[in-house]
Amino acid sequence: MSFRPTISVYINGRIVDIGYYRNWDEKSLLYEAVAIAALYEDCRSAEEYLQRKFGRQRISYVIEPETFENTEENLKWFEDCSEWPILVDLTARCIYMGTEAKSEEELRRIPDFDEDVIGYRKMHKAVWRPGTCEEAAFRSGDYWGYCRKNKRYKETREEVPGYHEIDPGTEFADLLDYSKIPFDRMDLKEVLRCLKAWPDAGGYLSEETIKKLAAA
């Protein structure tokens, strides 16, 4: 089994590019998305973005065994196949999960990553029936039978906290699943400087992005 996430770039509500990041972890995906935002944040049209990134307007993507051109229809088809689609919205200046650009109203309903609570996770908590004894059942050697007979599960909600600072302990999957990351609040020139100077960039960013950073 493999994990098949993507990072799409949108301008003016339309998809203009997509990257396939097979088996990448959530931390690397977030760093890649932020690097893309920093590199291309001032692009105002698909033509400008494609010219800056590829030097031409028509390109082909090779995802073995498939090859497809960068028509909007093809890009949307591939995005719809994603198991974990991240969207870099250069017009809304925001990173969030999804397979289409969100409206201003929809974005307002998604918490920013640094709010105190960014969502609620459904949990199934084990509840033991009154008058039972877990220890006695374990000693009897029939623990599984006891569990089925005397334990039920109650659905509860658990708060998902936001992140005022991003550090190695950050749950990057939660950060992306439950919140959006506005990059108009970031100093993207400083982000570019830090990424270019980062000695471990090769362990987190794609080769293509590293080359673009070096040339930026």
Protein backbone atom coordinates (compact mmCIF):
# COMPACT_ATOMS: atom_id res chain seq x y z
CA MET A 1 0.00 0.00 0.00
CA SER A 2 1.15 3.53 -0.69
CA PHE A 3 0.10 6.99 0.42
CA ARG A 4 -0.79 9.17 -2.58
CA PRO A 5 -1.02 12.87 -1.64
CA THR A 6 -0.92 15.80 -4.03
CA ILE A 7 -0.25 19.53 -3.86
CA SER A 8 -2.23 21.63 -6.33
CA VAL A 9 -1.74 25.29 -7.22
CA TYR A 10 -4.80 27.45 -7.92
CA ILE A 11 -5.06 30.96 -9.34
CA ASN A 12 -8.34 32.82 -9.71
CA GLY A 13 -10.26 29.74 -8.65
CA ARG A 14 -8.74 27.44 -11.30
CA ILE A 15 -6.14 24.71 -11.07
CA VAL A 16 -2.87 25.53 -12.86
CA ASP A 17 -0.43 22.88 -11.59
CA ILE A 18 -0.26 19.71 -9.52
CA GLY A 19 2.50 17.67 -7.89
CA TYR A 20 2.36 14.01 -6.85
CA TYR A 21 4.23 13.16 -3.63
CA ARG A 22 3.99 9.42 -3.17
CA ASN A 23 4.59 8.28 0.43
CA TRP A 24 5.68 11.73 1.64
CA ASP A 25 4.92 12.45 5.29
CA GLU A 26 2.69 15.33 6.37
CA LYS A 27 5.57 17.45 7.65
CA SER A 28 7.37 17.38 4.30
CA LEU A 29 4.13 18.08 2.44
CA LEU A 30 3.54 21.21 4.49
CA TYR A 31 7.10 22.46 3.96
CA GLU A 32 6.77 21.84 0.21
CA ALA A 33 3.46 23.72 0.09
CA VAL A 34 4.93 26.69 1.97
CA ALA A 35 7.96 26.71 -0.35
CA ILE A 36 5.65 26.77 -3.39
CA ALA A 37 3.71 29.67 -1.88
CA ALA A 38 6.93 31.59 -1.21
CA LEU A 39 8.28 31.00 -4.73
CA TYR A 40 5.16 31.93 -6.68
CA GLU A 41 3.05 34.06 -4.33
CA ASP A 42 3.09 37.09 -6.64
CA CYS A 43 1.86 35.23 -9.75
CA ARG A 44 -1.48 36.66 -10.82
CA SER A 45 -2.35 34.39 -13.76
CA ALA A 46 -1.86 30.83 -14.95
CA GLU A 47 0.29 32.08 -17.83
CA GLU A 48 2.63 33.95 -15.48
CA TYR A 49 2.94 30.98 -13.15
CA LEU A 50 3.63 28.47 -15.94
CA GLN A 51 6.18 30.73 -17.59
CA ARG A 52 8.04 31.27 -14.35
CA LYS A 53 8.05 27.62 -13.28
CA PHE A 54 8.41 25.81 -16.60
CA GLY A 55 9.41 28.47 -19.12
CA ARG A 56 6.46 27.52 -21.35
CA GLN A 57 2.69 27.17 -21.27
CA ARG A 58 2.18 23.54 -22.34
CA ILE A 59 3.84 20.74 -20.39
CA SER A 60 3.34 17.01 -19.84
CA TYR A 61 3.26 15.18 -16.52
CA VAL A 62 4.65 11.67 -16.33
CA ILE A 63 3.14 9.48 -13.60
CA GLU A 64 4.10 5.94 -14.56
CA PRO A 65 2.56 4.47 -16.62
CA GLU A 66 0.47 7.56 -17.49
CA THR A 67 1.49 10.71 -19.34
CA PHE A 68 -0.92 13.64 -19.59
CA GLU A 69 -0.84 17.28 -20.65
CA ASN A 70 -1.57 20.15 -18.29
CA THR A 71 -5.10 20.87 -19.45
CA GLU A 72 -7.47 21.92 -16.68
CA GLU A 73 -9.55 18.77 -17.28
CA ASN A 74 -6.51 16.50 -16.89
CA LEU A 75 -5.27 18.31 -13.80
CA LYS A 76 -8.69 18.02 -12.15
CA TRP A 77 -8.89 14.33 -13.02
CA PHE A 78 -5.56 13.67 -11.35
CA GLU A 79 -6.43 15.80 -8.34
CA ASP A 80 -9.64 13.81 -7.85
CA CYS A 81 -7.50 10.65 -7.54
CA SER A 82 -5.55 12.13 -4.61
CA GLU A 83 -5.80 10.49 -1.20
CA TRP A 84 -4.77 13.70 0.58
CA PRO A 85 -5.13 16.83 -1.59
CA ILE A 86 -3.39 20.00 -0.41
CA LEU A 87 -4.26 23.22 -2.20
CA VAL A 88 -2.02 26.30 -2.49
CA ASP A 89 -4.40 29.13 -3.38
CA LEU A 90 -2.27 31.98 -4.69
CA THR A 91 -5.26 34.29 -5.10
CA ALA A 92 -6.70 33.75 -1.61
CA ARG A 93 -3.11 33.54 -0.30
CA CYS A 94 -3.87 30.48 1.75
CA ILE A 95 -2.98 26.78 2.08
CA TYR A 96 -5.78 24.34 2.88
CA MET A 97 -7.09 20.85 2.11
CA GLY A 98 -9.46 20.31 -0.80
CA THR A 99 -9.99 19.61 -4.48
CA GLU A 100 -11.42 22.99 -5.43
CA ALA A 101 -10.82 26.62 -4.57
CA LYS A 102 -12.94 27.82 -1.67
CA SER A 103 -14.89 31.06 -1.59
CA GLU A 104 -14.13 33.83 0.90
CA GLU A 105 -17.13 32.73 2.94
CA GLU A 106 -16.00 29.10 2.98
CA LEU A 107 -12.50 30.12 4.02
CA ARG A 108 -13.85 32.21 6.88
CA ARG A 109 -15.44 29.05 8.29
CA ILE A 110 -12.08 27.23 8.42
CA PRO A 111 -10.02 28.12 11.54
CA ASP A 112 -6.54 29.58 11.12
CA PHE A 113 -3.81 27.22 12.27
CA ASP A 114 -2.92 29.36 15.32
CA GLU A 115 -6.38 29.60 16.88
CA ASP A 116 -6.72 28.02 20.31
CA VAL A 117 -9.03 25.27 19.01
CA ILE A 118 -9.10 24.36 15.32
CA GLY A 119 -11.64 21.54 15.42
CA TYR A 120 -13.08 18.54 17.18
CA ARG A 121 -12.07 14.92 16.69
CA LYS A 122 -14.61 12.15 17.13
CA MET A 123 -13.46 9.57 19.68
CA HIS A 124 -14.89 6.24 20.79
CA LYS A 125 -14.31 5.86 24.50
CA ALA A 126 -14.63 2.48 26.22
CA VAL A 127 -17.24 2.47 28.97
CA TRP A 128 -17.34 -0.45 31.41
CA ARG A 129 -20.73 -1.57 32.67
CA PRO A 130 -21.38 -0.95 36.38
CA GLY A 131 -20.63 -3.80 38.77
CA THR A 132 -17.96 -5.52 36.66
CA CYS A 133 -14.35 -6.13 37.53
CA GLU A 134 -11.75 -5.91 34.79
CA GLU A 135 -9.01 -7.43 36.96
CA ALA A 136 -11.05 -10.50 37.85
CA ALA A 137 -11.92 -11.12 34.23
CA PHE A 138 -8.25 -10.82 33.24
CA ARG A 139 -7.24 -13.38 35.90
CA SER A 140 -9.91 -15.77 34.67
CA GLY A 141 -8.22 -15.97 31.27
CA ASP A 142 -11.35 -14.84 29.45
CA TYR A 143 -10.45 -11.19 28.95
CA TRP A 144 -11.70 -10.95 25.36
CA GLY A 145 -15.02 -12.60 26.19
CA TYR A 146 -15.38 -10.21 29.12
CA CYS A 147 -14.66 -7.21 26.93
CA ARG A 148 -17.35 -8.13 24.44
CA LYS A 149 -19.92 -8.73 27.16
CA ASN A 150 -19.18 -5.90 29.57
CA LYS A 151 -17.73 -3.04 27.55
CA ARG A 152 -19.45 -0.67 25.18
CA TYR A 153 -18.16 2.35 23.30
CA LYS A 154 -19.45 5.88 23.61
CA GLU A 155 -18.77 8.49 20.96
CA THR A 156 -17.22 11.67 22.36
CA ARG A 157 -15.58 14.78 20.92
CA GLU A 158 -12.01 15.81 21.65
CA GLU A 159 -10.69 19.32 21.03
CA VAL A 160 -7.94 19.66 18.44
CA PRO A 161 -5.64 22.48 19.62
CA GLY A 162 -4.12 25.01 17.25
CA TYR A 163 -0.42 25.82 17.00
CA HIS A 164 0.99 29.20 17.93
CA GLU A 165 4.42 27.85 17.01
CA ILE A 166 5.39 25.13 14.54
CA ASP A 167 7.98 22.79 16.02
CA PRO A 168 9.02 19.10 15.81
CA GLY A 169 6.13 18.16 18.12
CA THR A 170 3.48 19.59 15.79
CA GLU A 171 0.86 17.13 14.56
CA PHE A 172 1.15 18.14 10.92
CA ALA A 173 -1.75 15.94 9.80
CA ASP A 174 -4.07 17.68 12.28
CA LEU A 175 -2.74 21.09 11.26
CA LEU A 176 -3.68 20.49 7.63
CA ASP A 177 -6.84 18.46 8.23
CA TYR A 178 -8.49 20.95 10.58
CA SER A 179 -7.17 24.41 9.69
CA LYS A 180 -5.96 26.72 6.96
CA ILE A 181 -2.59 28.45 6.72
CA PRO A 182 -2.83 32.06 5.48
CA PHE A 183 0.52 33.07 4.03
CA ASP A 184 -0.32 36.75 3.66
CA ARG A 185 0.65 36.93 7.34
CA MET A 186 4.11 35.52 6.61
CA ASP A 187 7.23 37.38 5.56
CA LEU A 188 7.71 35.24 2.47
CA LYS A 189 11.02 36.88 1.56
CA GLU A 190 12.33 35.73 4.93
CA VAL A 191 10.80 32.29 4.36
CA LEU A 192 12.68 32.05 1.04
CA ARG A 193 15.92 33.12 2.70
CA CYS A 194 15.54 30.50 5.44
CA LEU A 195 14.66 27.74 2.98
CA LYS A 196 17.64 28.56 0.75
CA ALA A 197 19.97 28.43 3.75
CA TRP A 198 18.41 25.29 5.27
CA PRO A 199 21.01 22.49 5.29
CA ASP A 200 18.35 19.78 5.66
CA ALA A 201 16.13 20.99 2.82
CA GLY A 202 17.01 17.95 0.74
CA GLY A 203 15.30 15.71 3.27
CA TYR A 204 11.98 17.55 3.07
CA LEU A 205 11.60 19.34 -0.27
CA SER A 206 11.43 18.07 -3.84
CA GLU A 207 14.47 18.37 -6.12
CA GLU A 208 12.54 20.68 -8.40
CA THR A 209 11.66 23.04 -5.54
CA ILE A 210 15.24 23.06 -4.27
CA LYS A 211 16.47 24.06 -7.77
CA LYS A 212 13.93 26.87 -7.91
CA LEU A 213 14.96 28.07 -4.46
CA ALA A 214 18.60 28.16 -5.51
CA ALA A 215 17.70 30.32 -8.52
CA ALA A 216 15.33 32.62 -6.60
